N, C-alpha and C. Protein backbone atom coordinates (compact mmCIF):
# COMPACT_ATOMS: atom_id res chain seq x y z
N MET A 1 23.41 34.78 72.24
CA MET A 1 24.50 35.78 72.60
C MET A 1 23.94 37.16 72.90
N GLY A 2 24.55 37.80 73.73
CA GLY A 2 24.05 39.13 74.11
C GLY A 2 24.39 40.13 73.14
N LEU A 3 24.09 41.36 73.57
CA LEU A 3 24.32 42.52 72.66
C LEU A 3 25.81 42.76 72.39
N PHE A 4 26.61 42.56 73.42
CA PHE A 4 28.01 42.82 73.30
C PHE A 4 28.85 41.52 73.18
N LYS A 5 29.64 41.42 72.19
CA LYS A 5 30.51 40.25 72.13
C LYS A 5 31.85 40.40 72.85
N SER A 6 32.40 39.27 73.21
CA SER A 6 33.73 39.39 73.80
C SER A 6 34.77 39.81 72.83
N LYS A 7 35.82 40.16 73.29
CA LYS A 7 36.87 40.66 72.45
C LYS A 7 37.34 39.52 71.53
N SER A 8 37.47 38.31 71.93
CA SER A 8 37.86 37.13 71.23
C SER A 8 36.81 36.81 70.09
N ALA A 9 35.56 37.02 70.45
CA ALA A 9 34.49 36.82 69.34
C ALA A 9 34.66 37.79 68.24
N ALA A 10 34.90 39.07 68.63
CA ALA A 10 35.03 40.09 67.65
C ALA A 10 36.26 39.83 66.85
N GLU A 11 37.34 39.30 67.29
CA GLU A 11 38.56 38.98 66.52
C GLU A 11 38.16 37.81 65.59
N LEU A 12 37.51 36.74 66.04
CA LEU A 12 37.01 35.77 65.12
C LEU A 12 36.25 36.21 64.12
N ASP A 13 35.27 37.21 64.38
CA ASP A 13 34.44 37.77 63.26
C ASP A 13 35.36 38.43 62.15
N ARG A 14 36.38 39.07 62.65
CA ARG A 14 37.28 39.78 61.60
C ARG A 14 37.99 38.74 60.76
N ILE A 15 38.39 37.71 61.35
CA ILE A 15 39.12 36.61 60.54
C ILE A 15 38.16 35.96 59.62
N MET A 16 36.93 35.72 60.09
CA MET A 16 35.87 35.06 59.25
C MET A 16 35.56 35.93 58.02
N LEU A 17 35.61 37.25 58.30
CA LEU A 17 35.28 38.26 57.12
C LEU A 17 36.45 38.03 56.08
N ARG A 18 37.66 37.85 56.43
CA ARG A 18 38.65 37.69 55.63
C ARG A 18 38.64 36.40 54.78
N VAL A 19 38.20 35.41 55.57
CA VAL A 19 38.03 34.05 54.90
C VAL A 19 36.90 34.18 53.83
N ASP A 20 35.83 34.88 54.26
CA ASP A 20 34.72 35.03 53.22
C ASP A 20 35.20 35.77 51.98
N MET A 21 35.90 36.91 52.20
CA MET A 21 36.31 37.75 51.16
C MET A 21 37.25 36.97 50.30
N ASN A 22 38.17 36.22 50.75
CA ASN A 22 39.09 35.44 49.97
C ASN A 22 38.47 34.38 49.17
N MET A 23 37.42 33.65 49.87
CA MET A 23 36.64 32.66 49.12
C MET A 23 35.79 33.33 47.98
N SER A 24 35.25 34.49 48.23
CA SER A 24 34.46 35.12 47.11
C SER A 24 35.29 35.62 46.00
N ASN A 25 36.53 35.86 46.16
CA ASN A 25 37.50 36.33 45.15
C ASN A 25 38.22 35.12 44.53
N ASN A 26 37.90 33.86 45.00
CA ASN A 26 38.63 32.68 44.58
C ASN A 26 40.04 32.64 44.89
N TYR A 27 40.47 33.28 46.07
CA TYR A 27 41.83 33.29 46.49
C TYR A 27 41.94 32.06 47.46
N LYS A 28 42.05 30.88 46.89
CA LYS A 28 41.98 29.70 47.67
C LYS A 28 43.10 29.47 48.67
N ASP A 29 44.26 29.85 48.31
CA ASP A 29 45.36 29.70 49.28
C ASP A 29 45.25 30.67 50.44
N ALA A 30 44.86 31.86 50.06
CA ALA A 30 44.68 32.82 51.20
C ALA A 30 43.49 32.45 52.07
N ALA A 31 42.42 31.95 51.56
CA ALA A 31 41.32 31.54 52.37
C ALA A 31 41.79 30.35 53.30
N GLN A 32 42.56 29.52 52.78
CA GLN A 32 43.08 28.37 53.62
C GLN A 32 44.04 28.87 54.75
N LEU A 33 44.80 29.92 54.48
CA LEU A 33 45.65 30.53 55.45
C LEU A 33 44.86 31.20 56.52
N ASN A 34 43.75 31.96 56.17
CA ASN A 34 42.94 32.64 57.00
C ASN A 34 42.13 31.59 57.94
N PHE A 35 41.79 30.46 57.29
CA PHE A 35 41.10 29.54 58.05
C PHE A 35 41.91 28.96 59.21
N LYS A 36 43.30 28.64 58.86
CA LYS A 36 44.21 28.26 59.89
C LYS A 36 44.29 29.25 60.97
N GLU A 37 44.35 30.51 60.66
CA GLU A 37 44.43 31.51 61.57
C GLU A 37 43.20 31.59 62.50
N LEU A 38 42.02 31.39 61.85
CA LEU A 38 40.78 31.22 62.59
C LEU A 38 40.78 30.09 63.59
N GLU A 39 41.17 28.97 63.21
CA GLU A 39 41.31 27.84 64.15
C GLU A 39 42.19 28.13 65.23
N ASP A 40 43.47 28.59 64.94
CA ASP A 40 44.30 29.00 66.00
C ASP A 40 43.83 30.05 67.01
N ALA A 41 43.24 31.03 66.49
CA ALA A 41 42.55 32.13 67.41
C ALA A 41 41.45 31.45 68.26
N PHE A 42 40.59 30.65 67.70
CA PHE A 42 39.58 30.03 68.40
C PHE A 42 40.11 29.18 69.52
N LEU A 43 41.17 28.26 69.20
CA LEU A 43 41.74 27.34 70.20
C LEU A 43 42.42 28.26 71.37
N ALA A 44 43.09 29.28 70.99
CA ALA A 44 43.65 30.19 72.05
C ALA A 44 42.67 30.82 72.88
N ALA A 45 41.63 31.26 72.38
CA ALA A 45 40.58 31.93 73.05
C ALA A 45 39.88 30.98 74.09
N LYS A 46 39.68 29.72 73.49
CA LYS A 46 39.00 28.63 74.25
C LYS A 46 39.97 28.24 75.49
N GLU A 47 41.21 28.15 75.31
CA GLU A 47 42.08 27.84 76.29
C GLU A 47 42.24 28.85 77.46
N LYS A 48 41.98 30.21 76.99
CA LYS A 48 42.02 31.20 77.92
C LYS A 48 40.70 31.37 78.71
N GLY A 49 39.63 30.75 78.17
CA GLY A 49 38.37 30.97 78.75
C GLY A 49 37.75 32.36 78.45
N ALA A 50 38.07 32.82 77.19
CA ALA A 50 37.81 34.25 76.93
C ALA A 50 36.42 34.49 76.23
N PHE A 51 35.65 33.49 76.19
CA PHE A 51 34.31 33.51 75.53
C PHE A 51 33.27 33.81 76.50
N LYS A 52 32.20 34.55 76.13
CA LYS A 52 31.00 34.76 76.90
C LYS A 52 30.14 33.53 76.81
N LYS A 53 29.17 33.39 77.54
CA LYS A 53 28.25 32.36 77.53
C LYS A 53 27.65 32.16 76.07
N GLY A 54 27.68 30.95 75.57
CA GLY A 54 27.17 30.53 74.38
C GLY A 54 28.14 30.84 73.17
N GLU A 55 29.11 31.67 73.30
CA GLU A 55 30.01 32.00 72.18
C GLU A 55 30.82 30.89 71.64
N GLU A 56 31.45 30.08 72.66
CA GLU A 56 32.24 29.06 72.29
C GLU A 56 31.53 27.98 71.33
N GLU A 57 30.33 27.63 71.71
CA GLU A 57 29.55 26.58 70.96
C GLU A 57 29.20 27.18 69.64
N SER A 58 28.77 28.40 69.55
CA SER A 58 28.41 29.12 68.35
C SER A 58 29.54 29.13 67.40
N TYR A 59 30.72 29.65 67.79
CA TYR A 59 31.81 29.73 66.85
C TYR A 59 32.49 28.37 66.50
N GLY A 60 32.38 27.44 67.52
CA GLY A 60 32.81 26.02 67.17
C GLY A 60 32.05 25.52 66.01
N ALA A 61 30.78 25.74 66.03
CA ALA A 61 29.87 25.20 64.89
C ALA A 61 30.28 25.89 63.67
N ARG A 62 30.46 27.26 63.71
CA ARG A 62 30.69 28.04 62.47
C ARG A 62 32.11 27.55 61.82
N ILE A 63 33.07 27.28 62.79
CA ILE A 63 34.32 26.82 62.29
C ILE A 63 34.14 25.43 61.57
N GLU A 64 33.31 24.56 62.07
CA GLU A 64 33.10 23.25 61.43
C GLU A 64 32.48 23.43 60.08
N GLU A 65 31.59 24.41 59.97
CA GLU A 65 30.96 24.77 58.67
C GLU A 65 32.05 25.24 57.68
N TYR A 66 33.00 26.12 58.05
CA TYR A 66 34.10 26.46 57.25
C TYR A 66 34.90 25.38 56.88
N ARG A 67 35.14 24.47 57.90
CA ARG A 67 36.04 23.29 57.57
C ARG A 67 35.44 22.40 56.43
N LEU A 68 34.10 22.15 56.44
CA LEU A 68 33.51 21.43 55.35
C LEU A 68 33.48 22.30 54.03
N LYS A 69 33.32 23.59 54.02
CA LYS A 69 33.32 24.25 52.80
C LYS A 69 34.80 24.29 52.26
N LEU A 70 35.79 24.34 53.12
CA LEU A 70 37.16 24.55 52.59
C LEU A 70 37.91 23.15 52.30
N LYS A 71 37.21 22.08 52.57
CA LYS A 71 37.82 20.83 52.30
C LYS A 71 37.93 20.63 50.79
N GLY A 72 39.19 20.43 50.43
CA GLY A 72 39.47 20.26 48.92
C GLY A 72 39.45 21.69 48.22
N TYR A 73 39.29 22.71 48.98
CA TYR A 73 39.38 24.13 48.36
C TYR A 73 40.71 24.51 48.15
N THR A 74 41.40 24.10 47.06
CA THR A 74 42.79 24.48 46.89
C THR A 74 43.01 24.54 45.40
N HIS A 75 44.03 25.25 44.99
CA HIS A 75 44.32 25.40 43.59
C HIS A 75 44.98 23.95 43.08
N LYS A 76 45.51 23.21 44.06
CA LYS A 76 46.23 21.97 43.65
C LYS A 76 45.17 20.99 43.01
N ASP A 77 43.95 21.04 43.57
CA ASP A 77 42.90 20.04 43.05
C ASP A 77 42.22 20.53 41.78
N GLN A 78 42.55 21.75 41.38
CA GLN A 78 41.90 22.40 40.28
C GLN A 78 42.46 21.87 38.93
N GLN A 79 41.47 21.36 38.09
CA GLN A 79 42.01 20.88 36.79
C GLN A 79 42.20 21.96 35.85
N PRO A 80 43.19 21.86 34.98
CA PRO A 80 43.38 22.87 33.93
C PRO A 80 42.16 22.87 32.98
N TYR A 81 41.99 24.10 32.41
CA TYR A 81 40.81 24.14 31.50
C TYR A 81 41.05 23.42 30.17
N TRP A 82 42.28 23.15 29.82
CA TRP A 82 42.53 22.41 28.51
C TRP A 82 42.39 20.86 28.55
N HIS A 83 42.03 20.33 29.80
CA HIS A 83 41.87 18.88 29.97
C HIS A 83 40.42 18.54 29.76
């Protein structure tokens, strides 16, 4: 990637920052909502052809990493401490 990112890449960076902050604070539901927002923004930018050279592949790979991290990352799967 070059020195300057596309507008779409900058937006994805902002969303990823929110996902990271929510994960670090153990806000599982909020992290999942932000991840959905990230996926939607990525697909919309991809459809518009809004990425610069190399950005689409790079962000696609990063989204897959988040998908793996967030698989099963929910309060529903959390066992209560008294069990």
